[in-house]
C-alpha atoms as a PDB file:
ATOM      1  CA  UNK A   1     234.926 161.955 -10.647  1.00  0.00           C
ATOM      2  CA  UNK A   2     232.041 164.106 -11.856  1.00  0.00           C
ATOM      3  CA  UNK A   3     228.752 163.360 -10.069  1.00  0.00           C
ATOM      4  CA  UNK A   4     225.897 162.107 -12.240  1.00  0.00           C
ATOM      5  CA  UNK A   5     223.394 164.821 -11.319  1.00  0.00           C
ATOM      6  CA  UNK A   6     220.625 163.439 -13.532  1.00  0.00           C
ATOM      7  CA  UNK A   7     220.725 160.026 -11.849  1.00  0.00           C
ATOM      8  CA  UNK A   8     220.842 161.634  -8.406  1.00  0.00           C
ATOM      9  CA  UNK A   9     217.776 163.768  -9.156  1.00  0.00           C
ATOM     10  CA  UNK A  10     215.909 160.763 -10.562  1.00  0.00           C
ATOM     11  CA  UNK A  11     216.732 158.764  -7.412  1.00  0.00           C
ATOM     12  CA  UNK A  12     215.593 161.585  -5.110  1.00  0.00           C
ATOM     13  CA  UNK A  13     212.378 161.952  -7.097  1.00  0.00           C
ATOM     14  CA  UNK A  14     211.679 158.202  -6.959  1.00  0.00           C
ATOM     15  CA  UNK A  15     212.242 157.813  -3.216  1.00  0.00           C
ATOM     16  CA  UNK A  16     209.667 160.549  -2.656  1.00  0.00           C
ATOM     17  CA  UNK A  17     207.109 157.852  -3.518  1.00  0.00           C
ATOM     18  CA  UNK A  18     207.843 156.135  -0.162  1.00  0.00           C
ATOM     19  CA  UNK A  19     205.472 158.693   1.349  1.00  0.00           C
ATOM     20  CA  UNK A  20     202.638 156.795  -0.314  1.00  0.00           C
ATOM     21  CA  UNK A  21     203.663 153.200   0.470  1.00  0.00           C
ATOM     22  CA  UNK A  22     201.560 151.980   3.424  1.00  0.00           C
ATOM     23  CA  UNK A  23     203.013 149.902   6.237  1.00  0.00           C
ATOM     24  CA  UNK A  24     201.432 146.669   7.444  1.00  0.00           C
ATOM     25  CA  UNK A  25     198.926 146.825  10.300  1.00  0.00           C
ATOM     26  CA  UNK A  26     201.319 146.107  13.181  1.00  0.00           C
ATOM     27  CA  UNK A  27     202.582 149.677  12.840  1.00  0.00           C
ATOM     28  CA  UNK A  28     202.829 151.935  15.889  1.00  0.00           C
ATOM     29  CA  UNK A  29     200.320 154.379  14.417  1.00  0.00           C
ATOM     30  CA  UNK A  30     196.686 153.461  15.044  1.00  0.00           C
ATOM     31  CA  UNK A  31     195.614 154.069  11.452  1.00  0.00           C
ATOM     32  CA  UNK A  32     198.855 152.752  10.012  1.00  0.00           C
ATOM     33  CA  UNK A  33     201.672 154.848   8.640  1.00  0.00           C
ATOM     34  CA  UNK A  34     203.795 154.966   5.528  1.00  0.00           C
ATOM     35  CA  UNK A  35     207.230 153.532   4.858  1.00  0.00           C
ATOM     36  CA  UNK A  36     208.610 157.092   4.852  1.00  0.00           C
ATOM     37  CA  UNK A  37     207.133 157.804   8.297  1.00  0.00           C
ATOM     38  CA  UNK A  38     208.557 154.534   9.627  1.00  0.00           C
ATOM     39  CA  UNK A  39     211.997 155.283   8.173  1.00  0.00           C
ATOM     40  CA  UNK A  40     212.003 158.812   9.617  1.00  0.00           C
ATOM     41  CA  UNK A  41     211.123 157.469  13.063  1.00  0.00           C
ATOM     42  CA  UNK A  42     213.886 154.845  12.835  1.00  0.00           C
ATOM     43  CA  UNK A  43     216.498 157.427  11.794  1.00  0.00           C
ATOM     44  CA  UNK A  44     215.460 159.656  14.697  1.00  0.00           C
ATOM     45  CA  UNK A  45     215.716 156.736  17.147  1.00  0.00           C
ATOM     46  CA  UNK A  46     219.197 155.811  15.879  1.00  0.00           C
ATOM     47  CA  UNK A  47     220.336 159.434  16.182  1.00  0.00           C
ATOM     48  CA  UNK A  48     218.906 159.968  19.680  1.00  0.00           C
ATOM     49  CA  UNK A  49     220.281 156.689  21.014  1.00  0.00           C
ATOM     50  CA  UNK A  50     223.629 157.226  19.294  1.00  0.00           C
ATOM     51  CA  UNK A  51     224.102 160.717  20.696  1.00  0.00           C
ATOM     52  CA  UNK A  52     222.648 160.083  24.162  1.00  0.00           C
ATOM     53  CA  UNK A  53     224.321 156.864  25.260  1.00  0.00           C
ATOM     54  CA  UNK A  54     227.975 155.945  25.241  1.00  0.00           C
ATOM     55  CA  UNK A  55     227.763 153.166  22.676  1.00  0.00           C
ATOM     56  CA  UNK A  56     230.777 152.338  20.539  1.00  0.00           C
ATOM     57  CA  UNK A  57     229.422 152.175  16.986  1.00  0.00           C
ATOM     58  CA  UNK A  58     229.664 154.093  13.723  1.00  0.00           C
ATOM     59  CA  UNK A  59     226.738 156.532  13.966  1.00  0.00           C
ATOM     60  CA  UNK A  60     227.060 157.694  10.350  1.00  0.00           C
ATOM     61  CA  UNK A  61     226.937 154.110   9.079  1.00  0.00           C
ATOM     62  CA  UNK A  62     223.949 153.296  11.298  1.00  0.00           C
ATOM     63  CA  UNK A  63     222.114 156.410  10.081  1.00  0.00           C
ATOM     64  CA  UNK A  64     222.833 155.454   6.472  1.00  0.00           C
ATOM     65  CA  UNK A  65     221.466 151.950   7.016  1.00  0.00           C
ATOM     66  CA  UNK A  66     218.369 153.342   8.733  1.00  0.00           C
ATOM     67  CA  UNK A  67     217.772 155.756   5.850  1.00  0.00           C
ATOM     68  CA  UNK A  68     218.192 153.158   3.111  1.00  0.00           C
ATOM     69  CA  UNK A  69     216.771 149.982   4.657  1.00  0.00           C
ATOM     70  CA  UNK A  70     213.297 150.248   3.067  1.00  0.00           C
ATOM     71  CA  UNK A  71     214.117 151.630  -0.394  1.00  0.00           C
ATOM     72  CA  UNK A  72     213.301 148.263  -1.996  1.00  0.00           C
ATOM     73  CA  UNK A  73     209.738 148.677  -0.780  1.00  0.00           C
ATOM     74  CA  UNK A  74     209.196 151.103  -3.643  1.00  0.00           C
ATOM     75  CA  UNK A  75     208.988 147.951  -5.803  1.00  0.00           C
ATOM     76  CA  UNK A  76     207.798 145.302  -3.315  1.00  0.00           C
ATOM     77  CA  UNK A  77     205.531 147.240  -0.987  1.00  0.00           C
ATOM     78  CA  UNK A  78     205.862 146.629   2.727  1.00  0.00           C
ATOM     79  CA  UNK A  79     206.073 142.941   3.594  1.00  0.00           C
ATOM     80  CA  UNK A  80     204.977 141.743   7.033  1.00  0.00           C
ATOM     81  CA  UNK A  81     207.622 139.138   7.885  1.00  0.00           C
ATOM     82  CA  UNK A  82     205.414 137.635  10.594  1.00  0.00           C
ATOM     83  CA  UNK A  83     202.612 136.967   8.099  1.00  0.00           C
ATOM     84  CA  UNK A  84     205.036 135.410   5.584  1.00  0.00           C
ATOM     85  CA  UNK A  85     206.411 133.015   8.211  1.00  0.00           C
ATOM     86  CA  UNK A  86     202.922 132.208   9.510  1.00  0.00           C
ATOM     87  CA  UNK A  87     201.684 131.368   5.971  1.00  0.00           C
ATOM     88  CA  UNK A  88     204.700 129.154   5.278  1.00  0.00           C
ATOM     89  CA  UNK A  89     204.093 127.223   8.514  1.00  0.00           C
ATOM     90  CA  UNK A  90     200.417 126.724   7.686  1.00  0.00           C
ATOM     91  CA  UNK A  91     201.190 124.902   4.448  1.00  0.00           C
END
């Protein structure tokens, strides 16, 4: 199978926009951070935990999930699940 280089480059260009998508206010950073910063921190945590402790799991799969888990936020923005639940309970 021949890779579709054009689609790959378009995807890589589009995900670069995650650097500009802000996270909701419950972020660890005092001034807030971006989705890209959050995803990087999560990937690093998965890698450090996966290589430090003797845990039986598929590290490559976990890293892939950590890398991809917020891609939809390019379209939706970051959604604070706590706020969504709180609003639905208030109605």
